[in-house]
Amino acid sequence: MPPAIKSRNDMDECGCLECRNIKTKTTNRTVLDALVWSVRLFRSYPSIVAFASVIILVNRLLETDSINVLPLPVIGVLETLTAFAFVFLIRAYVGTIVAGELTGNPVTIREGLHRCIARIPALVGVILLLIFFIMTIPFLLSLPLLVLVGVILSNPVEMVGFPVAAATVGIVFAVPFLLLLFKLWFAPEACVIGQYGPIESLRVSWRLTTNYRRKFLLIVVITIGSALSIYIPTVLPELGTGLALVPPVLDAISSSVGELLSIVWAGAYAHIYVQGIVS
């Protein structure tokens, strides 16, 4: 069975690296090392790419006119299910395999799928809590400031202009939003790999991002850079650069490549979770 990798304080038995069968080099890998390790892992587990490719293909079909015969509610349900499957279930499957590899306990396809399916209720709970916290808390924090500005400046839009007012509101909301998203990023890994409950998963993620702040910031920078390198070419034809490729084709290709690369990042997230939780 896939291992459950928890914090030492949450284990009844010994939580040292030797008892967990985790090698020291695992805890010493950098972010780039974890990425390279993830790419090599996918060569050993082609099922990861196969499952991801099926979902990506479904996403591309949903974006075309080939399924217009279906009612709009059905299309909406399919889009929601594929988004959940790609963002969370594939990430859960990758995390389960990573945990098995790092502990010397390889996971079969059946075991990986069983773990993902078994953790769906907890993952749904994590998603609902994430949405609640990252939307509600920034709103509550920014509301007093917005009310104060509205009282002091009876009509702030007319006094400073709509762009300035809109930018101020966006920044006031975005700062706590991004901070919470950053702090709770590893909640899915804690839920699946550590088998924590939804609330405990958020707590574990909060602690991990506190201890690994610099490492996670490096991940963010590299992720943004890779995303820009993929999606910028899709904008160039619209800017009149004379490229021969049709924008819809570029959009489909860039989206597919970006989604495949996100699977590599899922392996890195799982690796960093294991590093942090056993340290």
C-alpha atoms as a PDB file:
ATOM      1  CA  MET A   1       0.000   0.000   0.000  1.00  0.00           C
ATOM      2  CA  PRO A   2       1.170   3.599  -0.599  1.00  0.00           C
ATOM      3  CA  PRO A   3       2.856   5.059   2.476  1.00  0.00           C
ATOM      4  CA  ALA A   4       1.357   7.849   4.578  1.00  0.00           C
ATOM      5  CA  ILE A   5       4.131  10.367   5.214  1.00  0.00           C
ATOM      6  CA  LYS A   6       3.282  12.465   8.249  1.00  0.00           C
ATOM      7  CA  SER A   7       5.122  14.774  10.596  1.00  0.00           C
ATOM      8  CA  ARG A   8       7.060  13.076  13.379  1.00  0.00           C
ATOM      9  CA  ASN A   9       4.747  14.617  15.953  1.00  0.00           C
ATOM     10  CA  ASP A  10       1.758  12.965  14.271  1.00  0.00           C
ATOM     11  CA  MET A  11       3.216   9.459  14.257  1.00  0.00           C
ATOM     12  CA  ASP A  12       2.922   6.766  16.899  1.00  0.00           C
ATOM     13  CA  GLU A  13       6.047   4.925  15.758  1.00  0.00           C
ATOM     14  CA  CYS A  14       9.558   6.199  15.122  1.00  0.00           C
ATOM     15  CA  GLY A  15       9.712   8.947  12.525  1.00  0.00           C
ATOM     16  CA  CYS A  16      13.442   8.993  11.734  1.00  0.00           C
ATOM     17  CA  LEU A  17      14.642   8.819   8.142  1.00  0.00           C
ATOM     18  CA  GLU A  18      15.991   5.291   8.525  1.00  0.00           C
ATOM     19  CA  CYS A  19      12.705   3.914   9.826  1.00  0.00           C
ATOM     20  CA  ARG A  20      10.844   5.668   7.012  1.00  0.00           C
ATOM     21  CA  ASN A  21      13.382   4.337   4.509  1.00  0.00           C
ATOM     22  CA  ILE A  22      14.061   7.860   3.238  1.00  0.00           C
ATOM     23  CA  LYS A  23      17.604   8.551   2.100  1.00  0.00           C
ATOM     24  CA  THR A  24      19.526  11.635   3.178  1.00  0.00           C
ATOM     25  CA  LYS A  25      20.034  12.736  -0.429  1.00  0.00           C
ATOM     26  CA  THR A  26      16.260  13.061  -0.716  1.00  0.00           C
ATOM     27  CA  THR A  27      16.196  15.753   1.950  1.00  0.00           C
ATOM     28  CA  ASN A  28      19.178  17.540   0.383  1.00  0.00           C
ATOM     29  CA  ARG A  29      17.789  17.959  -3.134  1.00  0.00           C
ATOM     30  CA  THR A  30      17.272  21.485  -4.392  1.00  0.00           C
ATOM     31  CA  VAL A  31      14.188  22.629  -6.310  1.00  0.00           C
ATOM     32  CA  LEU A  32      15.942  22.075  -9.643  1.00  0.00           C
ATOM     33  CA  ASP A  33      17.100  18.633  -8.497  1.00  0.00           C
ATOM     34  CA  ALA A  34      13.507  17.799  -7.575  1.00  0.00           C
ATOM     35  CA  LEU A  35      12.343  18.880 -11.039  1.00  0.00           C
ATOM     36  CA  VAL A  36      14.944  16.733 -12.789  1.00  0.00           C
ATOM     37  CA  TRP A  37      14.047  13.845 -10.497  1.00  0.00           C
ATOM     38  CA  SER A  38      10.360  14.280 -11.391  1.00  0.00           C
ATOM     39  CA  VAL A  39      11.090  14.132 -15.124  1.00  0.00           C
ATOM     40  CA  ARG A  40      13.034  10.907 -14.632  1.00  0.00           C
ATOM     41  CA  LEU A  41      10.202   9.532 -12.506  1.00  0.00           C
ATOM     42  CA  PHE A  42       7.690   9.984 -15.332  1.00  0.00           C
ATOM     43  CA  ARG A  43       9.881   7.867 -17.594  1.00  0.00           C
ATOM     44  CA  SER A  44       9.425   5.020 -15.111  1.00  0.00           C
ATOM     45  CA  TYR A  45       5.687   5.662 -14.735  1.00  0.00           C
ATOM     46  CA  PRO A  46       4.205   6.303 -18.200  1.00  0.00           C
ATOM     47  CA  SER A  47       0.744   5.948 -16.638  1.00  0.00           C
ATOM     48  CA  ILE A  48       1.128   9.514 -15.323  1.00  0.00           C
ATOM     49  CA  VAL A  49       1.531  10.959 -18.810  1.00  0.00           C
ATOM     50  CA  ALA A  50      -1.170   8.640 -20.163  1.00  0.00           C
ATOM     51  CA  PHE A  51      -3.780   9.727 -17.596  1.00  0.00           C
ATOM     52  CA  ALA A  52      -2.843  13.387 -17.987  1.00  0.00           C
ATOM     53  CA  SER A  53      -2.991  13.145 -21.792  1.00  0.00           C
ATOM     54  CA  VAL A  54      -6.524  11.739 -21.687  1.00  0.00           C
ATOM     55  CA  ILE A  55      -7.725  14.633 -19.516  1.00  0.00           C
ATOM     56  CA  ILE A  56      -5.887  17.179 -21.682  1.00  0.00           C
ATOM     57  CA  LEU A  57      -7.517  15.725 -24.783  1.00  0.00           C
ATOM     58  CA  VAL A  58     -10.934  16.014 -23.157  1.00  0.00           C
ATOM     59  CA  ASN A  59     -10.161  19.637 -22.259  1.00  0.00           C
ATOM     60  CA  ARG A  60      -9.243  20.444 -25.849  1.00  0.00           C
ATOM     61  CA  LEU A  61     -12.446  18.809 -27.100  1.00  0.00           C
ATOM     62  CA  LEU A  62     -14.488  20.824 -24.625  1.00  0.00           C
ATOM     63  CA  GLU A  63     -12.898  23.991 -25.988  1.00  0.00           C
ATOM     64  CA  THR A  64     -13.947  23.197 -29.559  1.00  0.00           C
ATOM     65  CA  ASP A  65     -17.314  23.043 -31.296  1.00  0.00           C
ATOM     66  CA  SER A  66     -17.205  19.272 -31.650  1.00  0.00           C
ATOM     67  CA  ILE A  67     -19.459  18.621 -28.657  1.00  0.00           C
ATOM     68  CA  ASN A  68     -22.102  21.272 -29.233  1.00  0.00           C
ATOM     69  CA  VAL A  69     -24.635  18.468 -29.544  1.00  0.00           C
ATOM     70  CA  LEU A  70     -24.535  18.145 -25.759  1.00  0.00           C
ATOM     71  CA  PRO A  71     -26.684  20.404 -23.551  1.00  0.00           C
ATOM     72  CA  LEU A  72     -24.876  23.318 -21.906  1.00  0.00           C
ATOM     73  CA  PRO A  73     -25.416  21.957 -18.353  1.00  0.00           C
ATOM     74  CA  VAL A  74     -23.758  18.692 -19.367  1.00  0.00           C
ATOM     75  CA  ILE A  75     -20.812  20.556 -20.871  1.00  0.00           C
ATOM     76  CA  GLY A  76     -20.507  22.600 -17.683  1.00  0.00           C
ATOM     77  CA  VAL A  77     -20.458  19.446 -15.558  1.00  0.00           C
ATOM     78  CA  LEU A  78     -17.834  17.873 -17.820  1.00  0.00           C
ATOM     79  CA  GLU A  79     -15.641  20.964 -17.597  1.00  0.00           C
ATOM     80  CA  THR A  80     -15.889  20.951 -13.804  1.00  0.00           C
ATOM     81  CA  LEU A  81     -15.064  17.248 -13.579  1.00  0.00           C
ATOM     82  CA  THR A  82     -12.090  17.485 -15.923  1.00  0.00           C
ATOM     83  CA  ALA A  83     -10.756  20.527 -14.067  1.00  0.00           C
ATOM     84  CA  PHE A  84     -11.026  18.678 -10.747  1.00  0.00           C
ATOM     85  CA  ALA A  85      -9.452  15.561 -12.228  1.00  0.00           C
ATOM     86  CA  PHE A  86      -6.511  17.460 -13.678  1.00  0.00           C
ATOM     87  CA  VAL A  87      -5.826  19.952 -10.895  1.00  0.00           C
ATOM     88  CA  PHE A  88      -6.347  17.613  -7.961  1.00  0.00           C
ATOM     89  CA  LEU A  89      -6.669  13.934  -8.916  1.00  0.00           C
ATOM     90  CA  ILE A  90      -3.639  13.872 -11.217  1.00  0.00           C
ATOM     91  CA  ARG A  91      -1.706  15.820  -8.589  1.00  0.00           C
ATOM     92  CA  ALA A  92      -2.855  13.274  -6.001  1.00  0.00           C
ATOM     93  CA  TYR A  93      -1.818  10.374  -8.227  1.00  0.00           C
ATOM     94  CA  VAL A  94       1.611  11.906  -8.848  1.00  0.00           C
ATOM     95  CA  GLY A  95       2.039  12.621  -5.134  1.00  0.00           C
ATOM     96  CA  THR A  96       1.193   9.028  -4.240  1.00  0.00           C
ATOM     97  CA  ILE A  97       3.789   7.688  -6.681  1.00  0.00           C
ATOM     98  CA  VAL A  98       6.408  10.182  -5.463  1.00  0.00           C
ATOM     99  CA  ALA A  99       5.819   9.119  -1.849  1.00  0.00           C
ATOM    100  CA  GLY A 100       6.253   5.483  -2.817  1.00  0.00           C
ATOM    101  CA  GLU A 101       9.466   6.127  -4.714  1.00  0.00           C
ATOM    102  CA  LEU A 102      11.036   8.260  -1.978  1.00  0.00           C
ATOM    103  CA  THR A 103      10.325   5.582   0.637  1.00  0.00           C
ATOM    104  CA  GLY A 104      11.450   2.652  -1.516  1.00  0.00           C
ATOM    105  CA  ASN A 105       7.892   1.332  -1.774  1.00  0.00           C
ATOM    106  CA  PRO A 106       6.915   1.549  -5.476  1.00  0.00           C
ATOM    107  CA  VAL A 107       3.218   2.124  -6.082  1.00  0.00           C
ATOM    108  CA  THR A 108       1.283   0.205  -8.713  1.00  0.00           C
ATOM    109  CA  ILE A 109      -1.304   1.863 -10.959  1.00  0.00           C
ATOM    110  CA  ARG A 110      -4.094   0.145  -9.048  1.00  0.00           C
ATOM    111  CA  GLU A 111      -2.756   1.277  -5.673  1.00  0.00           C
ATOM    112  CA  GLY A 112      -2.263   4.833  -6.902  1.00  0.00           C
ATOM    113  CA  LEU A 113      -5.786   5.079  -8.291  1.00  0.00           C
ATOM    114  CA  HIS A 114      -7.238   3.503  -5.157  1.00  0.00           C
ATOM    115  CA  ARG A 115      -5.501   6.083  -2.949  1.00  0.00           C
ATOM    116  CA  CYS A 116      -6.727   8.958  -5.139  1.00  0.00           C
ATOM    117  CA  ILE A 117     -10.315   7.725  -5.176  1.00  0.00           C
ATOM    118  CA  ALA A 118     -10.274   7.067  -1.434  1.00  0.00           C
ATOM    119  CA  ARG A 119      -9.083  10.614  -0.741  1.00  0.00           C
ATOM    120  CA  ILE A 120     -11.668  12.355  -2.960  1.00  0.00           C
ATOM    121  CA  PRO A 121     -13.994  13.292  -0.040  1.00  0.00           C
ATOM    122  CA  ALA A 122     -11.073  14.792   1.902  1.00  0.00           C
ATOM    123  CA  LEU A 123      -9.801  16.573  -1.222  1.00  0.00           C
ATOM    124  CA  VAL A 124     -13.229  18.096  -1.794  1.00  0.00           C
ATOM    125  CA  GLY A 125     -13.153  19.309   1.809  1.00  0.00           C
ATOM    126  CA  VAL A 126      -9.715  20.843   1.233  1.00  0.00           C
ATOM    127  CA  ILE A 127     -10.948  22.606  -1.917  1.00  0.00           C
ATOM    128  CA  LEU A 128     -13.985  24.051  -0.158  1.00  0.00           C
ATOM    129  CA  LEU A 129     -11.860  25.297   2.741  1.00  0.00           C
ATOM    130  CA  LEU A 130      -9.302  26.790   0.360  1.00  0.00           C
ATOM    131  CA  ILE A 131     -11.982  28.656  -1.567  1.00  0.00           C
ATOM    132  CA  PHE A 132     -13.571  29.879   1.645  1.00  0.00           C
ATOM    133  CA  PHE A 133     -10.358  31.136   3.230  1.00  0.00           C
ATOM    134  CA  ILE A 134      -8.670  32.688   0.197  1.00  0.00           C
ATOM    135  CA  MET A 135     -11.853  34.511  -0.803  1.00  0.00           C
ATOM    136  CA  THR A 136     -13.404  35.418   2.546  1.00  0.00           C
ATOM    137  CA  ILE A 137     -10.380  36.484   4.588  1.00  0.00           C
ATOM    138  CA  PRO A 138      -8.952  38.936   1.988  1.00  0.00           C
ATOM    139  CA  PHE A 139     -12.421  40.446   1.617  1.00  0.00           C
ATOM    140  CA  LEU A 140     -12.833  40.876   5.378  1.00  0.00           C
ATOM    141  CA  LEU A 141      -9.346  42.344   5.728  1.00  0.00           C
ATOM    142  CA  SER A 142      -9.812  44.807   2.898  1.00  0.00           C
ATOM    143  CA  LEU A 143     -13.387  45.804   3.747  1.00  0.00           C
ATOM    144  CA  PRO A 144     -12.555  48.232   6.622  1.00  0.00           C
ATOM    145  CA  LEU A 145      -9.983  50.030   4.475  1.00  0.00           C
ATOM    146  CA  LEU A 146     -12.388  50.282   1.562  1.00  0.00           C
ATOM    147  CA  VAL A 147     -15.143  51.625   3.824  1.00  0.00           C
ATOM    148  CA  LEU A 148     -12.713  54.126   5.362  1.00  0.00           C
ATOM    149  CA  VAL A 149     -11.607  55.353   1.959  1.00  0.00           C
ATOM    150  CA  GLY A 150     -15.231  55.620   0.890  1.00  0.00           C
ATOM    151  CA  VAL A 151     -16.052  57.712   3.981  1.00  0.00           C
ATOM    152  CA  ILE A 152     -13.052  60.021   3.679  1.00  0.00           C
ATOM    153  CA  LEU A 153     -13.393  60.374  -0.064  1.00  0.00           C
ATOM    154  CA  SER A 154     -17.120  60.608  -0.654  1.00  0.00           C
ATOM    155  CA  ASN A 155     -16.650  59.646  -4.289  1.00  0.00           C
ATOM    156  CA  PRO A 156     -13.117  58.226  -4.702  1.00  0.00           C
ATOM    157  CA  VAL A 157     -13.689  57.252  -8.334  1.00  0.00           C
ATOM    158  CA  GLU A 158     -14.301  60.862  -9.379  1.00  0.00           C
ATOM    159  CA  MET A 159     -11.441  62.228  -7.225  1.00  0.00           C
ATOM    160  CA  VAL A 160      -8.641  59.882  -8.242  1.00  0.00           C
ATOM    161  CA  GLY A 161     -10.059  58.289 -11.375  1.00  0.00           C
ATOM    162  CA  PHE A 162     -11.443  54.818 -11.999  1.00  0.00           C
ATOM    163  CA  PRO A 163      -8.112  53.139 -12.954  1.00  0.00           C
ATOM    164  CA  VAL A 164      -6.425  54.284  -9.713  1.00  0.00           C
ATOM    165  CA  ALA A 165      -9.418  53.315  -7.581  1.00  0.00           C
ATOM    166  CA  ALA A 166      -9.722  49.917  -9.262  1.00  0.00           C
ATOM    167  CA  ALA A 167      -5.985  49.265  -8.897  1.00  0.00           C
ATOM    168  CA  THR A 168      -6.093  50.172  -5.198  1.00  0.00           C
ATOM    169  CA  VAL A 169      -9.011  47.853  -4.557  1.00  0.00           C
ATOM    170  CA  GLY A 170      -7.269  45.090  -6.503  1.00  0.00           C
ATOM    171  CA  ILE A 171      -4.013  45.447  -4.570  1.00  0.00           C
ATOM    172  CA  VAL A 172      -5.755  45.567  -1.190  1.00  0.00           C
ATOM    173  CA  PHE A 173      -7.550  42.326  -2.020  1.00  0.00           C
ATOM    174  CA  ALA A 174      -4.727  40.612  -3.935  1.00  0.00           C
ATOM    175  CA  VAL A 175      -2.024  40.866  -1.257  1.00  0.00           C
ATOM    176  CA  PRO A 176      -3.774  38.738   1.412  1.00  0.00           C
ATOM    177  CA  PHE A 177      -5.235  36.528  -1.334  1.00  0.00           C
ATOM    178  CA  LEU A 178      -1.804  35.643  -2.725  1.00  0.00           C
ATOM    179  CA  LEU A 179      -0.337  35.254   0.756  1.00  0.00           C
ATOM    180  CA  LEU A 180      -3.011  32.739   1.744  1.00  0.00           C
ATOM    181  CA  LEU A 181      -2.673  30.900  -1.562  1.00  0.00           C
ATOM    182  CA  PHE A 182       1.069  30.683  -0.929  1.00  0.00           C
ATOM    183  CA  LYS A 183       0.655  29.451   2.659  1.00  0.00           C
ATOM    184  CA  LEU A 184      -1.930  26.790   1.785  1.00  0.00           C
ATOM    185  CA  TRP A 185      -0.338  25.542  -1.431  1.00  0.00           C
ATOM    186  CA  PHE A 186       0.735  22.129  -0.068  1.00  0.00           C
ATOM    187  CA  ALA A 187      -2.657  21.250   1.414  1.00  0.00           C
ATOM    188  CA  PRO A 188      -3.445  18.726  -1.380  1.00  0.00           C
ATOM    189  CA  GLU A 189      -0.130  16.924  -0.768  1.00  0.00           C
ATOM    190  CA  ALA A 190      -0.761  16.860   2.979  1.00  0.00           C
ATOM    191  CA  CYS A 191      -4.241  15.468   2.339  1.00  0.00           C
ATOM    192  CA  VAL A 192      -3.147  12.695  -0.031  1.00  0.00           C
ATOM    193  CA  ILE A 193       0.432  11.833   0.924  1.00  0.00           C
ATOM    194  CA  GLY A 194       0.044  12.515   4.646  1.00  0.00           C
ATOM    195  CA  GLN A 195      -3.611  11.374   4.805  1.00  0.00           C
ATOM    196  CA  TYR A 196      -4.488  14.369   6.944  1.00  0.00           C
ATOM    197  CA  GLY A 197      -8.013  15.683   7.218  1.00  0.00           C
ATOM    198  CA  PRO A 198      -8.985  18.920   5.445  1.00  0.00           C
ATOM    199  CA  ILE A 199      -8.305  21.247   8.389  1.00  0.00           C
ATOM    200  CA  GLU A 200      -5.109  19.456   9.372  1.00  0.00           C
ATOM    201  CA  SER A 201      -3.925  19.621   5.757  1.00  0.00           C
ATOM    202  CA  LEU A 202      -4.165  23.409   5.850  1.00  0.00           C
ATOM    203  CA  ARG A 203      -2.265  23.498   9.140  1.00  0.00           C
ATOM    204  CA  VAL A 204       0.532  21.311   7.766  1.00  0.00           C
ATOM    205  CA  SER A 205       0.815  23.401   4.597  1.00  0.00           C
ATOM    206  CA  TRP A 206       1.002  26.598   6.644  1.00  0.00           C
ATOM    207  CA  ARG A 207       3.905  25.198   8.645  1.00  0.00           C
ATOM    208  CA  LEU A 208       5.753  23.871   5.603  1.00  0.00           C
ATOM    209  CA  THR A 209       5.608  27.157   3.710  1.00  0.00           C
ATOM    210  CA  THR A 210       6.928  28.924   6.790  1.00  0.00           C
ATOM    211  CA  ASN A 211       9.978  26.654   6.975  1.00  0.00           C
ATOM    212  CA  TYR A 212      10.564  26.517   3.221  1.00  0.00           C
ATOM    213  CA  ARG A 213       9.763  30.107   2.263  1.00  0.00           C
ATOM    214  CA  ARG A 214      12.803  30.688   0.060  1.00  0.00           C
ATOM    215  CA  LYS A 215      12.491  27.354  -1.713  1.00  0.00           C
ATOM    216  CA  PHE A 216       8.837  27.917  -2.506  1.00  0.00           C
ATOM    217  CA  LEU A 217       9.466  31.456  -3.735  1.00  0.00           C
ATOM    218  CA  LEU A 218      12.007  29.998  -6.156  1.00  0.00           C
ATOM    219  CA  ILE A 219       9.323  27.605  -7.393  1.00  0.00           C
ATOM    220  CA  VAL A 220       6.959  30.521  -7.976  1.00  0.00           C
ATOM    221  CA  VAL A 221       9.571  32.450  -9.982  1.00  0.00           C
ATOM    222  CA  ILE A 222      10.469  29.461 -12.155  1.00  0.00           C
ATOM    223  CA  THR A 223       6.814  28.564 -12.698  1.00  0.00           C
ATOM    224  CA  ILE A 224       5.970  32.099 -13.829  1.00  0.00           C
ATOM    225  CA  GLY A 225       8.970  32.146 -16.132  1.00  0.00           C
ATOM    226  CA  SER A 226       8.080  28.819 -17.731  1.00  0.00           C
ATOM    227  CA  ALA A 227       4.442  29.874 -18.119  1.00  0.00           C
ATOM    228  CA  LEU A 228       5.452  33.111 -19.859  1.00  0.00           C
ATOM    229  CA  SER A 229       7.778  31.240 -22.209  1.00  0.00           C
ATOM    230  CA  ILE A 230       4.857  29.013 -23.234  1.00  0.00           C
ATOM    231  CA  TYR A 231       2.005  31.490 -23.505  1.00  0.00           C
ATOM    232  CA  ILE A 232       3.736  34.582 -24.913  1.00  0.00           C
ATOM    233  CA  PRO A 233       4.120  33.025 -28.408  1.00  0.00           C
ATOM    234  CA  THR A 234       0.329  32.663 -28.583  1.00  0.00           C
ATOM    235  CA  VAL A 235      -0.025  36.446 -28.270  1.00  0.00           C
ATOM    236  CA  LEU A 236       2.515  37.332 -30.953  1.00  0.00           C
ATOM    237  CA  PRO A 237       0.314  36.584 -33.981  1.00  0.00           C
ATOM    238  CA  GLU A 238      -2.360  38.865 -32.544  1.00  0.00           C
ATOM    239  CA  LEU A 239       0.212  41.650 -32.290  1.00  0.00           C
ATOM    240  CA  GLY A 240       0.922  41.498 -36.019  1.00  0.00           C
ATOM    241  CA  THR A 241       4.311  39.797 -35.925  1.00  0.00           C
ATOM    242  CA  GLY A 242       3.558  37.924 -39.129  1.00  0.00           C
ATOM    243  CA  LEU A 243       3.816  34.420 -37.701  1.00  0.00           C
ATOM    244  CA  ALA A 244       2.192  31.825 -39.936  1.00  0.00           C
ATOM    245  CA  LEU A 245       0.609  29.713 -37.195  1.00  0.00           C
ATOM    246  CA  VAL A 246      -3.062  30.289 -36.492  1.00  0.00           C
ATOM    247  CA  PRO A 247      -3.729  31.632 -32.970  1.00  0.00           C
ATOM    248  CA  PRO A 248      -6.285  28.905 -32.043  1.00  0.00           C
ATOM    249  CA  VAL A 249      -3.731  26.231 -32.931  1.00  0.00           C
ATOM    250  CA  LEU A 250      -1.089  28.017 -30.874  1.00  0.00           C
ATOM    251  CA  ASP A 251      -3.522  28.323 -27.990  1.00  0.00           C
ATOM    252  CA  ALA A 252      -4.258  24.591 -28.049  1.00  0.00           C
ATOM    253  CA  ILE A 253      -0.577  23.653 -28.281  1.00  0.00           C
ATOM    254  CA  SER A 254       0.552  26.060 -25.553  1.00  0.00           C
ATOM    255  CA  SER A 255      -2.275  25.018 -23.237  1.00  0.00           C
ATOM    256  CA  SER A 256      -1.452  21.332 -23.698  1.00  0.00           C
ATOM    257  CA  VAL A 257       2.277  21.849 -23.174  1.00  0.00           C
ATOM    258  CA  GLY A 258       1.625  24.019 -20.120  1.00  0.00           C
ATOM    259  CA  GLU A 259      -0.658  21.392 -18.610  1.00  0.00           C
ATOM    260  CA  LEU A 260       1.907  18.656 -19.202  1.00  0.00           C
ATOM    261  CA  LEU A 261       4.597  20.775 -17.562  1.00  0.00           C
ATOM    262  CA  SER A 262       2.319  21.315 -14.580  1.00  0.00           C
ATOM    263  CA  ILE A 263       2.467  17.556 -14.016  1.00  0.00           C
ATOM    264  CA  VAL A 264       6.236  17.854 -13.628  1.00  0.00           C
ATOM    265  CA  TRP A 265       5.662  20.595 -11.081  1.00  0.00           C
ATOM    266  CA  ALA A 266       3.204  18.313  -9.251  1.00  0.00           C
ATOM    267  CA  GLY A 267       6.068  15.868  -8.789  1.00  0.00           C
ATOM    268  CA  ALA A 268       8.266  18.664  -7.447  1.00  0.00           C
ATOM    269  CA  TYR A 269       5.528  19.796  -5.029  1.00  0.00           C
ATOM    270  CA  ALA A 270       5.172  16.258  -3.693  1.00  0.00           C
ATOM    271  CA  HIS A 271       8.944  15.926  -3.350  1.00  0.00           C
ATOM    272  CA  ILE A 272       9.224  19.207  -1.439  1.00  0.00           C
ATOM    273  CA  TYR A 273       6.319  18.183   0.800  1.00  0.00           C
ATOM    274  CA  VAL A 274       8.148  14.968   1.727  1.00  0.00           C
ATOM    275  CA  GLN A 275      11.375  16.909   2.329  1.00  0.00           C
ATOM    276  CA  GLY A 276       9.628  19.348   4.613  1.00  0.00           C
ATOM    277  CA  ILE A 277       7.478  16.913   6.547  1.00  0.00           C
ATOM    278  CA  VAL A 278      10.335  14.547   7.463  1.00  0.00           C
ATOM    279  CA  SER A 279      12.822  17.282   8.365  1.00  0.00           C
END
